[in-house]
């Protein structure tokens, strides 16, 4: 079994999500204000990055832990990649909760995907990069929530059985990917 490196997985994520824009979706600041049941000030929303998610991969993401609870499907598509990359870069040295929030978010049954199905929001390449991220989280259970990663991976593989092939990270203990 092959264990994928953080660099290789990051490259897959960068490739899969290249060119994704916010496209009118709910932004980080809007999600944060929604968490407080407030409306985000227009001047703050106007300052947010909306076209290049790679500019968001820094510790500021730690200030936005409720993003995936309050964004919409377009915001989810825009923000999931920087959160995964941040997690890959920091999971060994950070106690920030956003690594686990990212794992918890990757679940195709989330309510935001009722009207906009996961399979229509994400390309097969993007879905595979999320699969590989969850597999990576399973393999790194000393630092990441492998139990939830395994559960969300199971849901993802049940929803998309065609992504069970290949280039998967091995699971701890020599387990096979869940069926």
C-alpha atoms as a PDB file:
ATOM      1  CA  UNK A   1       0.000   0.000   0.000  1.00  0.00           C
ATOM      2  CA  UNK A   2       1.153   3.499  -0.818  1.00  0.00           C
ATOM      3  CA  UNK A   3       1.053   6.320   1.663  1.00  0.00           C
ATOM      4  CA  UNK A   4       0.753   9.601  -0.185  1.00  0.00           C
ATOM      5  CA  UNK A   5       2.977  12.476   0.888  1.00  0.00           C
ATOM      6  CA  UNK A   6       1.535  15.797   1.969  1.00  0.00           C
ATOM      7  CA  UNK A   7       3.278  17.387  -1.023  1.00  0.00           C
ATOM      8  CA  UNK A   8       1.715  14.982  -3.537  1.00  0.00           C
ATOM      9  CA  UNK A   9      -1.726  15.314  -1.991  1.00  0.00           C
ATOM     10  CA  UNK A  10      -1.406  19.098  -1.932  1.00  0.00           C
ATOM     11  CA  UNK A  11      -0.465  19.063  -5.618  1.00  0.00           C
ATOM     12  CA  UNK A  12      -3.562  16.974  -6.415  1.00  0.00           C
ATOM     13  CA  UNK A  13      -5.769  19.414  -4.530  1.00  0.00           C
ATOM     14  CA  UNK A  14      -4.179  22.445  -6.235  1.00  0.00           C
ATOM     15  CA  UNK A  15      -4.717  20.789  -9.602  1.00  0.00           C
ATOM     16  CA  UNK A  16      -8.287  19.653  -8.909  1.00  0.00           C
ATOM     17  CA  UNK A  17      -9.475  23.042  -7.648  1.00  0.00           C
ATOM     18  CA  UNK A  18      -7.466  25.274 -10.001  1.00  0.00           C
ATOM     19  CA  UNK A  19      -9.576  28.171 -11.235  1.00  0.00           C
ATOM     20  CA  UNK A  20     -12.443  27.714  -8.762  1.00  0.00           C
ATOM     21  CA  UNK A  21     -13.939  31.075  -7.754  1.00  0.00           C
ATOM     22  CA  UNK A  22     -16.422  32.008  -5.052  1.00  0.00           C
ATOM     23  CA  UNK A  23     -18.939  32.754  -7.821  1.00  0.00           C
ATOM     24  CA  UNK A  24     -21.355  34.694  -5.622  1.00  0.00           C
ATOM     25  CA  UNK A  25     -21.251  32.158  -2.803  1.00  0.00           C
ATOM     26  CA  UNK A  26     -21.317  32.880   0.922  1.00  0.00           C
ATOM     27  CA  UNK A  27     -17.905  34.187   1.959  1.00  0.00           C
ATOM     28  CA  UNK A  28     -15.815  33.602   5.074  1.00  0.00           C
ATOM     29  CA  UNK A  29     -16.892  36.861   6.672  1.00  0.00           C
ATOM     30  CA  UNK A  30     -20.535  36.341   5.728  1.00  0.00           C
ATOM     31  CA  UNK A  31     -20.436  32.848   7.254  1.00  0.00           C
ATOM     32  CA  UNK A  32     -18.808  34.169  10.419  1.00  0.00           C
ATOM     33  CA  UNK A  33     -21.456  36.865  10.801  1.00  0.00           C
ATOM     34  CA  UNK A  34     -24.227  34.351  10.033  1.00  0.00           C
ATOM     35  CA  UNK A  35     -22.898  32.261  12.917  1.00  0.00           C
ATOM     36  CA  UNK A  36     -23.625  35.261  15.164  1.00  0.00           C
ATOM     37  CA  UNK A  37     -27.001  35.832  13.453  1.00  0.00           C
ATOM     38  CA  UNK A  38     -25.801  39.108  12.020  1.00  0.00           C
ATOM     39  CA  UNK A  39     -25.330  40.464   8.527  1.00  0.00           C
ATOM     40  CA  UNK A  40     -21.757  41.035   7.443  1.00  0.00           C
ATOM     41  CA  UNK A  41     -20.827  44.652   6.687  1.00  0.00           C
ATOM     42  CA  UNK A  42     -20.715  45.225   2.937  1.00  0.00           C
ATOM     43  CA  UNK A  43     -17.333  46.973   3.126  1.00  0.00           C
ATOM     44  CA  UNK A  44     -15.753  43.883   4.754  1.00  0.00           C
ATOM     45  CA  UNK A  45     -17.289  41.485   2.251  1.00  0.00           C
ATOM     46  CA  UNK A  46     -16.032  43.677  -0.592  1.00  0.00           C
ATOM     47  CA  UNK A  47     -12.452  43.230   0.650  1.00  0.00           C
ATOM     48  CA  UNK A  48     -12.569  39.421   0.633  1.00  0.00           C
ATOM     49  CA  UNK A  49     -10.748  37.287  -1.913  1.00  0.00           C
ATOM     50  CA  UNK A  50     -13.257  35.835  -4.349  1.00  0.00           C
ATOM     51  CA  UNK A  51     -11.207  34.523  -7.261  1.00  0.00           C
ATOM     52  CA  UNK A  52      -7.956  32.983  -6.018  1.00  0.00           C
ATOM     53  CA  UNK A  53      -8.427  30.555  -3.126  1.00  0.00           C
ATOM     54  CA  UNK A  54      -4.668  29.955  -2.994  1.00  0.00           C
ATOM     55  CA  UNK A  55      -4.304  33.408  -1.386  1.00  0.00           C
ATOM     56  CA  UNK A  56      -6.321  32.155   1.602  1.00  0.00           C
ATOM     57  CA  UNK A  57      -3.965  29.406   2.781  1.00  0.00           C
ATOM     58  CA  UNK A  58      -2.655  30.905   5.978  1.00  0.00           C
ATOM     59  CA  UNK A  59      -3.373  30.989   9.689  1.00  0.00           C
ATOM     60  CA  UNK A  60      -6.230  33.472   9.216  1.00  0.00           C
ATOM     61  CA  UNK A  61      -8.366  30.427   8.378  1.00  0.00           C
ATOM     62  CA  UNK A  62      -8.189  29.553  12.085  1.00  0.00           C
ATOM     63  CA  UNK A  63     -10.406  32.584  12.703  1.00  0.00           C
ATOM     64  CA  UNK A  64     -13.148  31.067  10.516  1.00  0.00           C
ATOM     65  CA  UNK A  65     -14.066  27.727  12.030  1.00  0.00           C
ATOM     66  CA  UNK A  66     -17.774  27.963  11.289  1.00  0.00           C
ATOM     67  CA  UNK A  67     -17.300  28.448   7.554  1.00  0.00           C
ATOM     68  CA  UNK A  68     -18.701  25.095   6.471  1.00  0.00           C
ATOM     69  CA  UNK A  69     -21.712  25.406   8.768  1.00  0.00           C
ATOM     70  CA  UNK A  70     -22.825  28.722   7.291  1.00  0.00           C
ATOM     71  CA  UNK A  71     -21.586  28.894   3.730  1.00  0.00           C
ATOM     72  CA  UNK A  72     -23.452  27.621   0.691  1.00  0.00           C
ATOM     73  CA  UNK A  73     -22.399  25.079  -1.931  1.00  0.00           C
ATOM     74  CA  UNK A  74     -20.432  27.698  -3.931  1.00  0.00           C
ATOM     75  CA  UNK A  75     -18.590  28.845  -0.816  1.00  0.00           C
ATOM     76  CA  UNK A  76     -17.932  25.240   0.138  1.00  0.00           C
ATOM     77  CA  UNK A  77     -16.408  24.536  -3.290  1.00  0.00           C
ATOM     78  CA  UNK A  78     -14.214  27.658  -3.004  1.00  0.00           C
ATOM     79  CA  UNK A  79     -13.052  27.135   0.585  1.00  0.00           C
ATOM     80  CA  UNK A  80     -12.615  23.369   0.935  1.00  0.00           C
ATOM     81  CA  UNK A  81      -9.288  23.363  -0.952  1.00  0.00           C
ATOM     82  CA  UNK A  82      -7.520  26.018   1.163  1.00  0.00           C
ATOM     83  CA  UNK A  83      -8.757  24.334   4.341  1.00  0.00           C
ATOM     84  CA  UNK A  84      -7.433  20.949   3.162  1.00  0.00           C
ATOM     85  CA  UNK A  85      -4.074  22.472   2.170  1.00  0.00           C
ATOM     86  CA  UNK A  86      -3.803  24.327   5.489  1.00  0.00           C
ATOM     87  CA  UNK A  87      -4.498  21.073   7.317  1.00  0.00           C
ATOM     88  CA  UNK A  88      -1.839  19.197   5.341  1.00  0.00           C
ATOM     89  CA  UNK A  89       0.719  21.896   6.092  1.00  0.00           C
ATOM     90  CA  UNK A  90      -0.083  22.238   9.794  1.00  0.00           C
ATOM     91  CA  UNK A  91      -1.676  19.073  11.188  1.00  0.00           C
ATOM     92  CA  UNK A  92       1.465  17.854  12.990  1.00  0.00           C
ATOM     93  CA  UNK A  93       2.287  21.132  14.720  1.00  0.00           C
ATOM     94  CA  UNK A  94      -1.031  22.845  15.304  1.00  0.00           C
ATOM     95  CA  UNK A  95      -3.773  22.215  17.801  1.00  0.00           C
ATOM     96  CA  UNK A  96      -6.153  24.380  15.756  1.00  0.00           C
ATOM     97  CA  UNK A  97      -9.587  22.871  15.443  1.00  0.00           C
ATOM     98  CA  UNK A  98      -9.924  23.746  11.754  1.00  0.00           C
ATOM     99  CA  UNK A  99      -8.167  20.538  10.722  1.00  0.00           C
ATOM    100  CA  UNK A 100     -10.984  18.516  12.241  1.00  0.00           C
ATOM    101  CA  UNK A 101     -13.622  20.980  10.991  1.00  0.00           C
ATOM    102  CA  UNK A 102     -12.318  20.320   7.500  1.00  0.00           C
ATOM    103  CA  UNK A 103     -12.667  16.564   7.972  1.00  0.00           C
ATOM    104  CA  UNK A 104     -16.176  16.984   9.402  1.00  0.00           C
ATOM    105  CA  UNK A 105     -17.197  19.136   6.435  1.00  0.00           C
ATOM    106  CA  UNK A 106     -16.430  16.586   3.706  1.00  0.00           C
ATOM    107  CA  UNK A 107     -19.713  14.731   3.815  1.00  0.00           C
ATOM    108  CA  UNK A 108     -21.862  14.468   0.679  1.00  0.00           C
ATOM    109  CA  UNK A 109     -25.094  14.268   2.701  1.00  0.00           C
ATOM    110  CA  UNK A 110     -24.810  17.813   4.105  1.00  0.00           C
ATOM    111  CA  UNK A 111     -28.018  19.816   3.795  1.00  0.00           C
ATOM    112  CA  UNK A 112     -26.450  22.324   1.381  1.00  0.00           C
ATOM    113  CA  UNK A 113     -26.146  19.506  -1.149  1.00  0.00           C
ATOM    114  CA  UNK A 114     -29.860  18.649  -1.178  1.00  0.00           C
ATOM    115  CA  UNK A 115     -30.720  21.186  -3.873  1.00  0.00           C
ATOM    116  CA  UNK A 116     -27.231  21.175  -5.373  1.00  0.00           C
ATOM    117  CA  UNK A 117     -25.969  17.572  -5.337  1.00  0.00           C
ATOM    118  CA  UNK A 118     -22.350  16.932  -4.454  1.00  0.00           C
ATOM    119  CA  UNK A 119     -21.843  15.285  -7.862  1.00  0.00           C
ATOM    120  CA  UNK A 120     -22.961  18.482  -9.612  1.00  0.00           C
ATOM    121  CA  UNK A 121     -20.979  20.855  -7.399  1.00  0.00           C
ATOM    122  CA  UNK A 122     -17.671  18.982  -7.657  1.00  0.00           C
ATOM    123  CA  UNK A 123     -15.817  17.411 -10.564  1.00  0.00           C
ATOM    124  CA  UNK A 124     -14.674  13.785 -10.314  1.00  0.00           C
ATOM    125  CA  UNK A 125     -11.101  15.051  -9.820  1.00  0.00           C
ATOM    126  CA  UNK A 126     -12.215  17.266  -6.922  1.00  0.00           C
ATOM    127  CA  UNK A 127     -14.153  14.414  -5.324  1.00  0.00           C
ATOM    128  CA  UNK A 128     -11.100  12.155  -5.624  1.00  0.00           C
ATOM    129  CA  UNK A 129      -8.901  14.787  -3.978  1.00  0.00           C
ATOM    130  CA  UNK A 130     -11.352  14.947  -1.054  1.00  0.00           C
ATOM    131  CA  UNK A 131     -11.318  11.135  -0.919  1.00  0.00           C
ATOM    132  CA  UNK A 132      -7.538  11.165  -0.756  1.00  0.00           C
ATOM    133  CA  UNK A 133      -7.603  13.848   1.935  1.00  0.00           C
ATOM    134  CA  UNK A 134      -9.943  11.711   4.063  1.00  0.00           C
ATOM    135  CA  UNK A 135      -7.751   8.668   3.473  1.00  0.00           C
ATOM    136  CA  UNK A 136      -4.763  10.737   4.575  1.00  0.00           C
ATOM    137  CA  UNK A 137      -6.648  11.776   7.715  1.00  0.00           C
ATOM    138  CA  UNK A 138      -7.398   8.109   8.439  1.00  0.00           C
ATOM    139  CA  UNK A 139      -3.704   7.329   8.157  1.00  0.00           C
ATOM    140  CA  UNK A 140      -2.750  10.183  10.478  1.00  0.00           C
ATOM    141  CA  UNK A 141      -5.112   9.492  13.353  1.00  0.00           C
ATOM    142  CA  UNK A 142      -2.517  10.555  15.914  1.00  0.00           C
ATOM    143  CA  UNK A 143      -3.088  14.145  14.775  1.00  0.00           C
ATOM    144  CA  UNK A 144      -6.431  14.106  12.957  1.00  0.00           C
ATOM    145  CA  UNK A 145      -9.900  12.734  13.728  1.00  0.00           C
ATOM    146  CA  UNK A 146      -9.544   9.411  11.927  1.00  0.00           C
ATOM    147  CA  UNK A 147     -12.868   8.112  13.229  1.00  0.00           C
ATOM    148  CA  UNK A 148     -14.896  10.872  11.558  1.00  0.00           C
ATOM    149  CA  UNK A 149     -12.609  10.774   8.515  1.00  0.00           C
ATOM    150  CA  UNK A 150     -13.339   7.057   8.143  1.00  0.00           C
ATOM    151  CA  UNK A 151     -17.079   7.646   8.562  1.00  0.00           C
ATOM    152  CA  UNK A 152     -17.136  10.458   5.992  1.00  0.00           C
ATOM    153  CA  UNK A 153     -14.941   8.416   3.672  1.00  0.00           C
ATOM    154  CA  UNK A 154     -17.427   5.558   3.896  1.00  0.00           C
ATOM    155  CA  UNK A 155     -20.270   7.933   2.943  1.00  0.00           C
ATOM    156  CA  UNK A 156     -18.238   9.361   0.080  1.00  0.00           C
ATOM    157  CA  UNK A 157     -17.379   5.906  -1.276  1.00  0.00           C
ATOM    158  CA  UNK A 158     -20.986   4.750  -0.944  1.00  0.00           C
ATOM    159  CA  UNK A 159     -22.160   7.813  -2.844  1.00  0.00           C
ATOM    160  CA  UNK A 160     -19.413   7.511  -5.487  1.00  0.00           C
ATOM    161  CA  UNK A 161     -18.382   3.842  -5.770  1.00  0.00           C
ATOM    162  CA  UNK A 162     -16.434   4.671  -8.932  1.00  0.00           C
ATOM    163  CA  UNK A 163     -13.779   6.481  -6.862  1.00  0.00           C
ATOM    164  CA  UNK A 164     -12.760   3.411  -4.878  1.00  0.00           C
ATOM    165  CA  UNK A 165      -9.968   2.554  -7.278  1.00  0.00           C
ATOM    166  CA  UNK A 166      -6.284   3.331  -7.180  1.00  0.00           C
ATOM    167  CA  UNK A 167      -3.841   5.730  -5.749  1.00  0.00           C
ATOM    168  CA  UNK A 168      -5.464   5.637  -2.354  1.00  0.00           C
ATOM    169  CA  UNK A 169      -3.619   6.183   0.842  1.00  0.00           C
ATOM    170  CA  UNK A 170      -3.525   3.112   3.011  1.00  0.00           C
ATOM    171  CA  UNK A 171      -5.664   3.087   6.119  1.00  0.00           C
ATOM    172  CA  UNK A 172      -4.163   2.505   9.550  1.00  0.00           C
ATOM    173  CA  UNK A 173      -3.732  -1.103  10.550  1.00  0.00           C
ATOM    174  CA  UNK A 174      -3.691  -2.307   6.958  1.00  0.00           C
ATOM    175  CA  UNK A 175      -7.449  -1.846   6.627  1.00  0.00           C
ATOM    176  CA  UNK A 176      -8.987  -1.750   3.206  1.00  0.00           C
ATOM    177  CA  UNK A 177     -11.021   1.283   2.203  1.00  0.00           C
ATOM    178  CA  UNK A 178     -14.528   0.948   3.643  1.00  0.00           C
ATOM    179  CA  UNK A 179     -17.167  -0.671   1.441  1.00  0.00           C
END
